[in-house]
Amino acid sequence: MEIVCPAGTPAALRAAVKAGAHAVYCGFNDETNARNFPGLNFNRSEMRDGVAFAHSHGAKVLVAVNTFPRAGDQPVWHRAVDDAKNAGADAVILADPGLLDYAARTHPGLRLHLSVQAAAANADIINYYAGTFGVKRVVLPRVLSVPEIAAINAETEAETEVFVFGGLCVMAEGRCSLSSYATGLSPNMNGVCSPASHVEYHDDNGALDAKLGGYTIHRAAKDEPAPYPTLCKGCFSAGGQTGHLFEDPASLNAEQLIPQLHKAGVTALKIEGRQRSKSYVAQVVRNFRAAVDALEAGQPLPQGMLARLSEGQAMTTGAYKKTWR
């Protein structure tokens, strides 16, 4: 199976390729990709150089143009697709049907992948995208179990790519409105979930309040670690209980499920984290590459050392085993 690794910077791209990533996904430094944070992503020259570097080491580059264009501003997104093609990208990752149509008509030889932002979670919709736009691969939402993924693969010829490590999203992918409500900036149109520009921390009689867009998302006691204020991972009071009602601050780690995912027909394993450091990227890639190589050689999977890289140093298999509340 292919290891698909995040690269938020040119340095992270080089680190991922050197660590053994089969493919790297990245985006331009604008709102056309869903990780539009200051200091991240690639300008056009960096993208061309990154593609050349990856290709010289036998790796692929997938360019994410996976936000949804604003009405009237489609040329901004069209240029991103054009520039990805001109940079030599091996595929573009798209979510918007209008953008898929543009790419299929304008660049018929360009390989198209369907972003997780499209929330394609059944064989019927996947076959629609494959038949209508020529989509070759679909990134599945992080809400499916392994048997559900196997059932999808049995009914479609499109390749499937699944997340195996990193941040979790409990919402239907591409349909979250929580961050938009609190900050006025959309993860799916502006490319920012819980943007840092709207984050504040305030001392409240020794406790530390973490706020997003003026809303208190978490309150940490003195000397207690204060998490980044992401709405779905906030600590709330409801029904007489106080806790992480939507999602615990934990990272997905499906490393030990790789054999089951392989048997289910999965083509590629995706690592989340374009906002992460090159050191993080390299360590995670080496671990998953070792696991995939061991599987291919018929050897036992090595025990990973990923716990300290996870959010809150806590890990979960998420929906793969249906253990969420």
C-alpha atoms as a PDB file:
ATOM      1  CA  MET A   1       0.000   0.000   0.000  1.00  0.00           C
ATOM      2  CA  GLU A   2       1.071   3.547  -0.705  1.00  0.00           C
ATOM      3  CA  ILE A   3       2.101   5.817   2.173  1.00  0.00           C
ATOM      4  CA  VAL A   4       0.715   9.330   1.550  1.00  0.00           C
ATOM      5  CA  CYS A   5       2.382  11.906   3.759  1.00  0.00           C
ATOM      6  CA  PRO A   6       1.591  15.562   4.602  1.00  0.00           C
ATOM      7  CA  ALA A   7       3.971  18.376   3.717  1.00  0.00           C
ATOM      8  CA  GLY A   8       3.128  21.851   4.941  1.00  0.00           C
ATOM      9  CA  THR A   9       6.507  23.260   3.909  1.00  0.00           C
ATOM     10  CA  PRO A  10       9.245  22.475   1.375  1.00  0.00           C
ATOM     11  CA  ALA A  11      11.406  21.243   4.266  1.00  0.00           C
ATOM     12  CA  ALA A  12       8.668  18.829   5.368  1.00  0.00           C
ATOM     13  CA  LEU A  13       8.321  17.571   1.797  1.00  0.00           C
ATOM     14  CA  ARG A  14      12.011  16.770   1.594  1.00  0.00           C
ATOM     15  CA  ALA A  15      11.927  15.111   5.023  1.00  0.00           C
ATOM     16  CA  ALA A  16       8.934  12.962   4.047  1.00  0.00           C
ATOM     17  CA  VAL A  17      10.514  11.835   0.794  1.00  0.00           C
ATOM     18  CA  LYS A  18      13.825  10.989   2.482  1.00  0.00           C
ATOM     19  CA  ALA A  19      11.964   9.062   5.202  1.00  0.00           C
ATOM     20  CA  GLY A  20      10.313   6.806   2.627  1.00  0.00           C
ATOM     21  CA  ALA A  21       6.956   8.334   1.695  1.00  0.00           C
ATOM     22  CA  HIS A  22       5.606   6.954  -1.560  1.00  0.00           C
ATOM     23  CA  ALA A  23       3.648  10.167  -2.100  1.00  0.00           C
ATOM     24  CA  VAL A  24       3.395  13.615  -0.516  1.00  0.00           C
ATOM     25  CA  TYR A  25       0.346  15.876  -0.479  1.00  0.00           C
ATOM     26  CA  CYS A  26       0.656  19.640  -0.193  1.00  0.00           C
ATOM     27  CA  GLY A  27      -1.028  22.858  -1.289  1.00  0.00           C
ATOM     28  CA  PHE A  28      -0.456  26.416  -2.437  1.00  0.00           C
ATOM     29  CA  ASN A  29      -0.148  29.236   0.124  1.00  0.00           C
ATOM     30  CA  ASP A  30      -3.658  30.572  -0.403  1.00  0.00           C
ATOM     31  CA  GLU A  31      -7.279  29.724   0.331  1.00  0.00           C
ATOM     32  CA  THR A  32      -7.477  27.036  -2.356  1.00  0.00           C
ATOM     33  CA  ASN A  33      -6.332  24.395   0.125  1.00  0.00           C
ATOM     34  CA  ALA A  34      -7.820  23.340   3.451  1.00  0.00           C
ATOM     35  CA  ARG A  35      -4.729  24.093   5.535  1.00  0.00           C
ATOM     36  CA  ASN A  36      -4.425  27.798   4.768  1.00  0.00           C
ATOM     37  CA  PHE A  37      -2.368  28.867   7.795  1.00  0.00           C
ATOM     38  CA  PRO A  38       0.297  31.599   7.956  1.00  0.00           C
ATOM     39  CA  GLY A  39       3.778  30.243   7.331  1.00  0.00           C
ATOM     40  CA  LEU A  40       2.544  27.042   5.701  1.00  0.00           C
ATOM     41  CA  ASN A  41       2.274  25.774   2.145  1.00  0.00           C
ATOM     42  CA  PHE A  42       4.057  26.467  -1.131  1.00  0.00           C
ATOM     43  CA  ASN A  43       4.402  29.311  -3.568  1.00  0.00           C
ATOM     44  CA  ARG A  44       4.491  28.388  -7.246  1.00  0.00           C
ATOM     45  CA  SER A  45       8.270  28.189  -7.469  1.00  0.00           C
ATOM     46  CA  GLU A  46       8.523  26.069  -4.325  1.00  0.00           C
ATOM     47  CA  MET A  47       5.894  23.705  -5.713  1.00  0.00           C
ATOM     48  CA  ARG A  48       7.845  23.173  -8.938  1.00  0.00           C
ATOM     49  CA  ASP A  49      11.043  22.560  -6.975  1.00  0.00           C
ATOM     50  CA  GLY A  50       9.243  20.213  -4.569  1.00  0.00           C
ATOM     51  CA  VAL A  51       7.795  18.137  -7.390  1.00  0.00           C
ATOM     52  CA  ALA A  52      11.204  17.904  -9.051  1.00  0.00           C
ATOM     53  CA  PHE A  53      12.816  16.804  -5.769  1.00  0.00           C
ATOM     54  CA  ALA A  54      10.165  14.164  -5.108  1.00  0.00           C
ATOM     55  CA  HIS A  55      10.357  12.790  -8.636  1.00  0.00           C
ATOM     56  CA  SER A  56      14.152  12.587  -8.455  1.00  0.00           C
ATOM     57  CA  HIS A  57      13.716  10.313  -5.416  1.00  0.00           C
ATOM     58  CA  GLY A  58      10.935   8.189  -6.901  1.00  0.00           C
ATOM     59  CA  ALA A  59       8.068   9.785  -4.959  1.00  0.00           C
ATOM     60  CA  LYS A  60       4.827  11.402  -6.137  1.00  0.00           C
ATOM     61  CA  VAL A  61       3.328  14.798  -5.302  1.00  0.00           C
ATOM     62  CA  LEU A  62      -0.438  15.264  -4.894  1.00  0.00           C
ATOM     63  CA  VAL A  63      -1.585  18.892  -4.818  1.00  0.00           C
ATOM     64  CA  ALA A  64      -4.641  19.662  -2.697  1.00  0.00           C
ATOM     65  CA  VAL A  65      -7.005  22.236  -4.207  1.00  0.00           C
ATOM     66  CA  ASN A  66      -9.694  21.008  -1.872  1.00  0.00           C
ATOM     67  CA  THR A  67     -11.654  24.008  -0.650  1.00  0.00           C
ATOM     68  CA  PHE A  68     -14.885  25.181  -2.268  1.00  0.00           C
ATOM     69  CA  PRO A  69     -14.675  28.233  -4.585  1.00  0.00           C
ATOM     70  CA  ARG A  70     -16.683  31.324  -3.779  1.00  0.00           C
ATOM     71  CA  ALA A  71     -19.244  32.298  -6.400  1.00  0.00           C
ATOM     72  CA  GLY A  72     -17.609  34.714  -8.808  1.00  0.00           C
ATOM     73  CA  ASP A  73     -14.052  33.886  -7.719  1.00  0.00           C
ATOM     74  CA  GLN A  74     -13.679  30.554  -9.503  1.00  0.00           C
ATOM     75  CA  PRO A  75     -10.620  31.770 -11.519  1.00  0.00           C
ATOM     76  CA  VAL A  76      -8.542  31.713  -8.315  1.00  0.00           C
ATOM     77  CA  TRP A  77      -9.194  27.977  -7.941  1.00  0.00           C
ATOM     78  CA  HIS A  78      -8.875  27.350 -11.682  1.00  0.00           C
ATOM     79  CA  ARG A  79      -5.395  28.878 -11.633  1.00  0.00           C
ATOM     80  CA  ALA A  80      -4.417  26.602  -8.748  1.00  0.00           C
ATOM     81  CA  VAL A  81      -5.397  23.545 -10.794  1.00  0.00           C
ATOM     82  CA  ASP A  82      -3.559  24.909 -13.837  1.00  0.00           C
ATOM     83  CA  ASP A  83      -0.439  25.679 -11.792  1.00  0.00           C
ATOM     84  CA  ALA A  84      -0.452  22.239 -10.168  1.00  0.00           C
ATOM     85  CA  LYS A  85      -0.572  20.655 -13.613  1.00  0.00           C
ATOM     86  CA  ASN A  86       2.215  22.921 -14.898  1.00  0.00           C
ATOM     87  CA  ALA A  87       4.356  22.118 -11.847  1.00  0.00           C
ATOM     88  CA  GLY A  88       4.234  18.439 -12.778  1.00  0.00           C
ATOM     89  CA  ALA A  89       1.925  17.232 -10.012  1.00  0.00           C
ATOM     90  CA  ASP A  90       1.044  13.551 -10.207  1.00  0.00           C
ATOM     91  CA  ALA A  91      -2.545  14.294  -9.183  1.00  0.00           C
ATOM     92  CA  VAL A  92      -4.760  17.050  -7.820  1.00  0.00           C
ATOM     93  CA  ILE A  93      -7.051  16.481  -4.843  1.00  0.00           C
ATOM     94  CA  LEU A  94     -10.402  18.201  -5.404  1.00  0.00           C
ATOM     95  CA  ALA A  95     -13.743  18.398  -3.593  1.00  0.00           C
ATOM     96  CA  ASP A  96     -15.969  20.820  -5.527  1.00  0.00           C
ATOM     97  CA  PRO A  97     -17.971  19.313  -8.464  1.00  0.00           C
ATOM     98  CA  GLY A  98     -17.541  22.476 -10.530  1.00  0.00           C
ATOM     99  CA  LEU A  99     -13.779  22.335 -10.025  1.00  0.00           C
ATOM    100  CA  LEU A 100     -13.722  18.636 -10.880  1.00  0.00           C
ATOM    101  CA  ASP A 101     -15.576  19.450 -14.093  1.00  0.00           C
ATOM    102  CA  TYR A 102     -13.094  22.217 -14.931  1.00  0.00           C
ATOM    103  CA  ALA A 103     -10.082  19.966 -14.322  1.00  0.00           C
ATOM    104  CA  ALA A 104     -11.533  17.071 -16.312  1.00  0.00           C
ATOM    105  CA  ARG A 105     -12.341  19.296 -19.316  1.00  0.00           C
ATOM    106  CA  THR A 106      -9.234  21.500 -19.256  1.00  0.00           C
ATOM    107  CA  HIS A 107      -6.603  18.911 -18.350  1.00  0.00           C
ATOM    108  CA  PRO A 108      -7.915  15.520 -19.521  1.00  0.00           C
ATOM    109  CA  GLY A 109      -4.584  13.822 -18.766  1.00  0.00           C
ATOM    110  CA  LEU A 110      -4.403  15.058 -15.168  1.00  0.00           C
ATOM    111  CA  ARG A 111      -5.118  12.420 -12.530  1.00  0.00           C
ATOM    112  CA  LEU A 112      -7.976  13.426 -10.222  1.00  0.00           C
ATOM    113  CA  HIS A 113      -8.389  12.390  -6.589  1.00  0.00           C
ATOM    114  CA  LEU A 114     -11.536  13.149  -4.609  1.00  0.00           C
ATOM    115  CA  SER A 115     -10.824  14.962  -1.348  1.00  0.00           C
ATOM    116  CA  VAL A 116     -12.188  13.813   1.989  1.00  0.00           C
ATOM    117  CA  GLN A 117     -13.886  17.239   1.998  1.00  0.00           C
ATOM    118  CA  ALA A 118     -16.386  15.807  -0.497  1.00  0.00           C
ATOM    119  CA  ALA A 119     -17.577  13.347   2.187  1.00  0.00           C
ATOM    120  CA  ALA A 120     -18.054  10.497  -0.306  1.00  0.00           C
ATOM    121  CA  ALA A 121     -18.949   7.623   2.024  1.00  0.00           C
ATOM    122  CA  ASN A 122     -20.719   5.048  -0.163  1.00  0.00           C
ATOM    123  CA  ALA A 123     -20.124   3.232  -3.433  1.00  0.00           C
ATOM    124  CA  ASP A 124     -22.935   4.978  -5.312  1.00  0.00           C
ATOM    125  CA  ILE A 125     -21.523   8.481  -4.915  1.00  0.00           C
ATOM    126  CA  ILE A 126     -17.965   7.258  -5.533  1.00  0.00           C
ATOM    127  CA  ASN A 127     -19.050   5.613  -8.783  1.00  0.00           C
ATOM    128  CA  TYR A 128     -20.785   8.864  -9.765  1.00  0.00           C
ATOM    129  CA  TYR A 129     -17.592  10.869  -9.321  1.00  0.00           C
ATOM    130  CA  ALA A 130     -15.550   8.222 -11.145  1.00  0.00           C
ATOM    131  CA  GLY A 131     -17.985   7.957 -14.035  1.00  0.00           C
ATOM    132  CA  THR A 132     -18.725  11.669 -14.413  1.00  0.00           C
ATOM    133  CA  PHE A 133     -15.303  13.245 -13.848  1.00  0.00           C
ATOM    134  CA  GLY A 134     -12.870  10.337 -14.184  1.00  0.00           C
ATOM    135  CA  VAL A 135     -11.837  10.369 -10.530  1.00  0.00           C
ATOM    136  CA  LYS A 136      -9.252   7.648  -9.942  1.00  0.00           C
ATOM    137  CA  ARG A 137      -8.998   7.711  -6.144  1.00  0.00           C
ATOM    138  CA  VAL A 138     -11.271   8.708  -3.261  1.00  0.00           C
ATOM    139  CA  VAL A 139     -10.097   9.760   0.202  1.00  0.00           C
ATOM    140  CA  LEU A 140     -12.679   8.221   2.520  1.00  0.00           C
ATOM    141  CA  PRO A 141     -14.140  10.088   5.524  1.00  0.00           C
ATOM    142  CA  ARG A 142     -12.932   9.141   8.992  1.00  0.00           C
ATOM    143  CA  VAL A 143     -16.339   7.805  10.031  1.00  0.00           C
ATOM    144  CA  LEU A 144     -16.248   4.353   8.387  1.00  0.00           C
ATOM    145  CA  SER A 145     -15.460   0.972   9.922  1.00  0.00           C
ATOM    146  CA  VAL A 146     -13.170  -1.543   8.213  1.00  0.00           C
ATOM    147  CA  PRO A 147     -16.117  -3.745   7.060  1.00  0.00           C
ATOM    148  CA  GLU A 148     -17.814  -0.667   5.595  1.00  0.00           C
ATOM    149  CA  ILE A 149     -14.632   0.194   3.685  1.00  0.00           C
ATOM    150  CA  ALA A 150     -14.403  -3.378   2.383  1.00  0.00           C
ATOM    151  CA  ALA A 151     -18.019  -3.210   1.193  1.00  0.00           C
ATOM    152  CA  ILE A 152     -17.307   0.043  -0.685  1.00  0.00           C
ATOM    153  CA  ASN A 153     -14.233  -1.442  -2.376  1.00  0.00           C
ATOM    154  CA  ALA A 154     -16.265  -4.441  -3.495  1.00  0.00           C
ATOM    155  CA  GLU A 155     -18.638  -2.159  -5.389  1.00  0.00           C
ATOM    156  CA  THR A 156     -16.314   0.371  -7.016  1.00  0.00           C
ATOM    157  CA  GLU A 157     -13.196   0.286  -9.182  1.00  0.00           C
ATOM    158  CA  ALA A 158     -11.926   3.616  -7.838  1.00  0.00           C
ATOM    159  CA  GLU A 159      -8.947   3.401  -5.506  1.00  0.00           C
ATOM    160  CA  THR A 160      -9.569   4.207  -1.850  1.00  0.00           C
ATOM    161  CA  GLU A 161      -7.288   6.122   0.513  1.00  0.00           C
ATOM    162  CA  VAL A 162      -7.878   6.158   4.258  1.00  0.00           C
ATOM    163  CA  PHE A 163      -6.468   8.134   7.192  1.00  0.00           C
ATOM    164  CA  VAL A 164      -4.302   6.115   9.569  1.00  0.00           C
ATOM    165  CA  PHE A 165      -2.642   8.698  11.820  1.00  0.00           C
ATOM    166  CA  GLY A 166      -3.138  12.242  13.087  1.00  0.00           C
ATOM    167  CA  GLY A 167      -6.031  14.543  13.827  1.00  0.00           C
ATOM    168  CA  LEU A 168      -9.585  13.280  13.916  1.00  0.00           C
ATOM    169  CA  CYS A 169     -12.760  14.983  12.767  1.00  0.00           C
ATOM    170  CA  VAL A 170     -16.048  13.696  14.148  1.00  0.00           C
ATOM    171  CA  MET A 171     -18.141  15.715  11.693  1.00  0.00           C
ATOM    172  CA  ALA A 172     -19.222  14.614   8.232  1.00  0.00           C
ATOM    173  CA  GLU A 173     -16.103  15.662   6.354  1.00  0.00           C
ATOM    174  CA  GLY A 174     -16.545  18.928   4.522  1.00  0.00           C
ATOM    175  CA  ARG A 175     -19.778  19.749   6.314  1.00  0.00           C
ATOM    176  CA  CYS A 176     -18.572  21.293   9.597  1.00  0.00           C
ATOM    177  CA  SER A 177     -19.988  24.713  10.473  1.00  0.00           C
ATOM    178  CA  LEU A 178     -18.793  25.050  14.078  1.00  0.00           C
ATOM    179  CA  SER A 179     -15.584  26.953  13.341  1.00  0.00           C
ATOM    180  CA  SER A 180     -17.366  29.120  10.764  1.00  0.00           C
ATOM    181  CA  TYR A 181     -19.987  30.055  13.363  1.00  0.00           C
ATOM    182  CA  ALA A 182     -17.412  31.063  15.955  1.00  0.00           C
ATOM    183  CA  THR A 183     -14.897  32.874  13.748  1.00  0.00           C
ATOM    184  CA  GLY A 184     -16.561  33.779  10.468  1.00  0.00           C
ATOM    185  CA  LEU A 185     -13.900  31.820   8.582  1.00  0.00           C
ATOM    186  CA  SER A 186     -14.796  28.506   6.999  1.00  0.00           C
ATOM    187  CA  PRO A 187     -12.600  25.386   7.012  1.00  0.00           C
ATOM    188  CA  ASN A 188     -14.158  24.369   3.727  1.00  0.00           C
ATOM    189  CA  MET A 189     -13.996  27.703   1.900  1.00  0.00           C
ATOM    190  CA  ASN A 190     -11.218  29.710   3.544  1.00  0.00           C
ATOM    191  CA  GLY A 191      -9.158  26.675   4.522  1.00  0.00           C
ATOM    192  CA  VAL A 192      -8.922  27.394   8.238  1.00  0.00           C
ATOM    193  CA  CYS A 193     -10.387  25.411  11.133  1.00  0.00           C
ATOM    194  CA  SER A 194     -10.042  27.192  14.473  1.00  0.00           C
ATOM    195  CA  PRO A 195      -7.663  29.817  13.033  1.00  0.00           C
ATOM    196  CA  ALA A 196      -4.886  31.042  15.308  1.00  0.00           C
ATOM    197  CA  SER A 197      -5.862  34.658  14.644  1.00  0.00           C
ATOM    198  CA  HIS A 198      -9.052  34.034  16.666  1.00  0.00           C
ATOM    199  CA  VAL A 199      -7.431  32.175  19.582  1.00  0.00           C
ATOM    200  CA  GLU A 200      -7.021  33.873  22.966  1.00  0.00           C
ATOM    201  CA  TYR A 201      -5.936  32.723  26.430  1.00  0.00           C
ATOM    202  CA  HIS A 202      -7.083  34.507  29.599  1.00  0.00           C
ATOM    203  CA  ASP A 203      -6.216  34.041  33.268  1.00  0.00           C
ATOM    204  CA  ASP A 204      -9.333  33.598  35.392  1.00  0.00           C
ATOM    205  CA  ASN A 205      -8.354  33.508  39.077  1.00  0.00           C
ATOM    206  CA  GLY A 206      -5.552  31.044  38.407  1.00  0.00           C
ATOM    207  CA  ALA A 207      -7.403  29.000  35.792  1.00  0.00           C
ATOM    208  CA  LEU A 208      -6.557  29.449  32.123  1.00  0.00           C
ATOM    209  CA  ASP A 209      -9.417  29.992  29.688  1.00  0.00           C
ATOM    210  CA  ALA A 210      -8.831  29.013  26.071  1.00  0.00           C
ATOM    211  CA  LYS A 211     -11.121  30.980  23.780  1.00  0.00           C
ATOM    212  CA  LEU A 212     -11.972  30.797  20.085  1.00  0.00           C
ATOM    213  CA  GLY A 213     -13.753  33.740  18.515  1.00  0.00           C
ATOM    214  CA  GLY A 214     -14.710  34.990  21.980  1.00  0.00           C
ATOM    215  CA  TYR A 215     -16.183  31.641  23.060  1.00  0.00           C
ATOM    216  CA  THR A 216     -14.607  29.797  25.996  1.00  0.00           C
ATOM    217  CA  ILE A 217     -13.736  26.347  24.666  1.00  0.00           C
ATOM    218  CA  HIS A 218     -11.707  24.965  27.558  1.00  0.00           C
ATOM    219  CA  ARG A 219     -10.748  25.951  31.091  1.00  0.00           C
ATOM    220  CA  ALA A 220      -7.549  24.461  32.505  1.00  0.00           C
ATOM    221  CA  ALA A 221      -6.663  24.456  36.189  1.00  0.00           C
ATOM    222  CA  LYS A 222      -3.336  25.856  37.363  1.00  0.00           C
ATOM    223  CA  ASP A 223      -0.418  23.760  36.065  1.00  0.00           C
ATOM    224  CA  GLU A 224      -2.791  21.708  33.886  1.00  0.00           C
ATOM    225  CA  PRO A 225      -1.920  21.632  30.151  1.00  0.00           C
ATOM    226  CA  ALA A 226      -4.165  23.953  28.121  1.00  0.00           C
ATOM    227  CA  PRO A 227      -5.168  22.434  24.768  1.00  0.00           C
ATOM    228  CA  TYR A 228      -5.538  24.403  21.566  1.00  0.00           C
ATOM    229  CA  PRO A 229      -9.166  25.609  21.471  1.00  0.00           C
ATOM    230  CA  THR A 230     -10.790  23.520  18.745  1.00  0.00           C
ATOM    231  CA  LEU A 231     -14.564  23.481  19.057  1.00  0.00           C
ATOM    232  CA  CYS A 232     -15.198  19.781  18.538  1.00  0.00           C
ATOM    233  CA  LYS A 233     -12.540  18.976  21.159  1.00  0.00           C
ATOM    234  CA  GLY A 234     -13.723  21.516  23.685  1.00  0.00           C
ATOM    235  CA  CYS A 235     -14.796  20.776  27.240  1.00  0.00           C
ATOM    236  CA  PHE A 236     -18.514  21.460  27.691  1.00  0.00           C
ATOM    237  CA  SER A 237     -21.202  21.160  30.340  1.00  0.00           C
ATOM    238  CA  ALA A 238     -24.407  19.446  29.254  1.00  0.00           C
ATOM    239  CA  GLY A 239     -26.900  17.091  30.840  1.00  0.00           C
ATOM    240  CA  GLY A 240     -25.316  17.515  34.242  1.00  0.00           C
ATOM    241  CA  GLN A 241     -21.913  16.375  32.991  1.00  0.00           C
ATOM    242  CA  THR A 242     -18.754  18.248  32.082  1.00  0.00           C
ATOM    243  CA  GLY A 243     -16.305  16.755  29.608  1.00  0.00           C
ATOM    244  CA  HIS A 244     -15.311  16.299  25.989  1.00  0.00           C
ATOM    245  CA  LEU A 245     -18.804  15.729  24.631  1.00  0.00           C
ATOM    246  CA  PHE A 246     -17.920  15.654  20.927  1.00  0.00           C
ATOM    247  CA  GLU A 247     -14.381  14.273  20.832  1.00  0.00           C
ATOM    248  CA  ASP A 248     -11.508  13.702  23.223  1.00  0.00           C
ATOM    249  CA  PRO A 249      -8.213  15.437  22.385  1.00  0.00           C
ATOM    250  CA  ALA A 250      -6.688  12.243  21.005  1.00  0.00           C
ATOM    251  CA  SER A 251      -4.980  11.259  17.764  1.00  0.00           C
ATOM    252  CA  LEU A 252      -5.965   8.550  15.339  1.00  0.00           C
ATOM    253  CA  ASN A 253      -3.480   5.686  15.172  1.00  0.00           C
ATOM    254  CA  ALA A 254      -4.558   2.766  12.973  1.00  0.00           C
ATOM    255  CA  GLU A 255      -1.058   1.343  12.619  1.00  0.00           C
ATOM    256  CA  GLN A 256      -2.013  -2.096  13.898  1.00  0.00           C
ATOM    257  CA  LEU A 257      -5.043  -2.202  11.580  1.00  0.00           C
ATOM    258  CA  ILE A 258      -2.898  -2.062   8.434  1.00  0.00           C
ATOM    259  CA  PRO A 259      -3.363  -5.804   7.672  1.00  0.00           C
ATOM    260  CA  GLN A 260      -7.155  -5.457   7.954  1.00  0.00           C
ATOM    261  CA  LEU A 261      -7.151  -2.343   5.769  1.00  0.00           C
ATOM    262  CA  HIS A 262      -5.026  -4.151   3.198  1.00  0.00           C
ATOM    263  CA  LYS A 263      -7.462  -7.070   3.186  1.00  0.00           C
ATOM    264  CA  ALA A 264     -10.340  -4.587   2.783  1.00  0.00           C
ATOM    265  CA  GLY A 265      -8.805  -3.427  -0.501  1.00  0.00           C
ATOM    266  CA  VAL A 266      -7.393  -0.058   0.552  1.00  0.00           C
ATOM    267  CA  THR A 267      -4.843   1.376  -1.900  1.00  0.00           C
ATOM    268  CA  ALA A 268      -3.244   4.143   0.156  1.00  0.00           C
ATOM    269  CA  LEU A 269      -2.693   5.069   3.812  1.00  0.00           C
ATOM    270  CA  LYS A 270      -2.897   8.780   4.563  1.00  0.00           C
ATOM    271  CA  ILE A 271      -1.160  10.587   7.411  1.00  0.00           C
ATOM    272  CA  GLU A 272      -2.742  13.842   8.614  1.00  0.00           C
ATOM    273  CA  GLY A 273      -0.707  16.870   9.676  1.00  0.00           C
ATOM    274  CA  ARG A 274       0.363  19.495   7.175  1.00  0.00           C
ATOM    275  CA  GLN A 275       0.800  21.911  10.090  1.00  0.00           C
ATOM    276  CA  ARG A 276       3.334  19.586  11.752  1.00  0.00           C
ATOM    277  CA  SER A 277       7.129  19.878  11.845  1.00  0.00           C
ATOM    278  CA  LYS A 278       9.502  18.098   9.494  1.00  0.00           C
ATOM    279  CA  SER A 279      10.767  16.039  12.443  1.00  0.00           C
ATOM    280  CA  TYR A 280       7.235  14.815  13.200  1.00  0.00           C
ATOM    281  CA  VAL A 281       6.648  14.020   9.543  1.00  0.00           C
ATOM    282  CA  ALA A 282       9.869  12.036   9.221  1.00  0.00           C
ATOM    283  CA  GLN A 283       9.242   9.955  12.351  1.00  0.00           C
ATOM    284  CA  VAL A 284       5.679   9.051  11.424  1.00  0.00           C
ATOM    285  CA  VAL A 285       6.591   8.192   7.830  1.00  0.00           C
ATOM    286  CA  ARG A 286       9.476   5.943   8.873  1.00  0.00           C
ATOM    287  CA  ASN A 287       7.166   4.094  11.250  1.00  0.00           C
ATOM    288  CA  PHE A 288       4.402   3.486   8.717  1.00  0.00           C
ATOM    289  CA  ARG A 289       6.814   2.662   5.914  1.00  0.00           C
ATOM    290  CA  ALA A 290       8.372  -0.014   8.146  1.00  0.00           C
ATOM    291  CA  ALA A 291       4.907  -1.426   8.860  1.00  0.00           C
ATOM    292  CA  VAL A 292       3.917  -1.555   5.179  1.00  0.00           C
ATOM    293  CA  ASP A 293       7.243  -3.093   4.175  1.00  0.00           C
ATOM    294  CA  ALA A 294       6.875  -5.732   6.907  1.00  0.00           C
ATOM    295  CA  LEU A 295       3.367  -6.597   5.694  1.00  0.00           C
ATOM    296  CA  GLU A 296       4.599  -6.956   2.128  1.00  0.00           C
ATOM    297  CA  ALA A 297       7.436  -9.226   3.301  1.00  0.00           C
ATOM    298  CA  GLY A 298       5.060 -11.372   5.354  1.00  0.00           C
ATOM    299  CA  GLN A 299       6.676 -10.358   8.625  1.00  0.00           C
ATOM    300  CA  PRO A 300       5.052  -9.210  11.900  1.00  0.00           C
ATOM    301  CA  LEU A 301       4.315  -5.501  12.080  1.00  0.00           C
ATOM    302  CA  PRO A 302       6.835  -3.616  14.236  1.00  0.00           C
ATOM    303  CA  GLN A 303       5.535  -1.959  17.359  1.00  0.00           C
ATOM    304  CA  GLY A 304       5.501   1.782  16.723  1.00  0.00           C
ATOM    305  CA  MET A 305       6.852   4.591  18.831  1.00  0.00           C
ATOM    306  CA  LEU A 306       4.164   7.100  17.953  1.00  0.00           C
ATOM    307  CA  ALA A 307       2.523   7.707  21.347  1.00  0.00           C
ATOM    308  CA  ARG A 308       4.565  10.809  22.108  1.00  0.00           C
ATOM    309  CA  LEU A 309       3.645  12.291  18.717  1.00  0.00           C
ATOM    310  CA  SER A 310      -0.100  12.039  19.297  1.00  0.00           C
ATOM    311  CA  GLU A 311      -2.375  14.836  20.433  1.00  0.00           C
ATOM    312  CA  GLY A 312      -2.491  14.865  24.214  1.00  0.00           C
ATOM    313  CA  GLN A 313      -0.275  11.766  24.022  1.00  0.00           C
ATOM    314  CA  ALA A 314      -3.492   9.754  23.682  1.00  0.00           C
ATOM    315  CA  MET A 315      -4.488   7.583  20.750  1.00  0.00           C
ATOM    316  CA  THR A 316      -7.619   5.958  19.372  1.00  0.00           C
ATOM    317  CA  THR A 317      -8.652   3.791  16.435  1.00  0.00           C
ATOM    318  CA  GLY A 318     -11.600   6.130  15.944  1.00  0.00           C
ATOM    319  CA  ALA A 319     -14.469   4.831  13.849  1.00  0.00           C
ATOM    320  CA  TYR A 320     -12.511   1.871  12.482  1.00  0.00           C
ATOM    321  CA  LYS A 321     -13.636  -0.168  15.461  1.00  0.00           C
ATOM    322  CA  LYS A 322     -16.700   1.918  16.323  1.00  0.00           C
ATOM    323  CA  THR A 323     -15.535   2.667  19.860  1.00  0.00           C
ATOM    324  CA  TRP A 324     -16.641   6.319  19.983  1.00  0.00           C
ATOM    325  CA  ARG A 325     -19.370   7.419  22.308  1.00  0.00           C
END
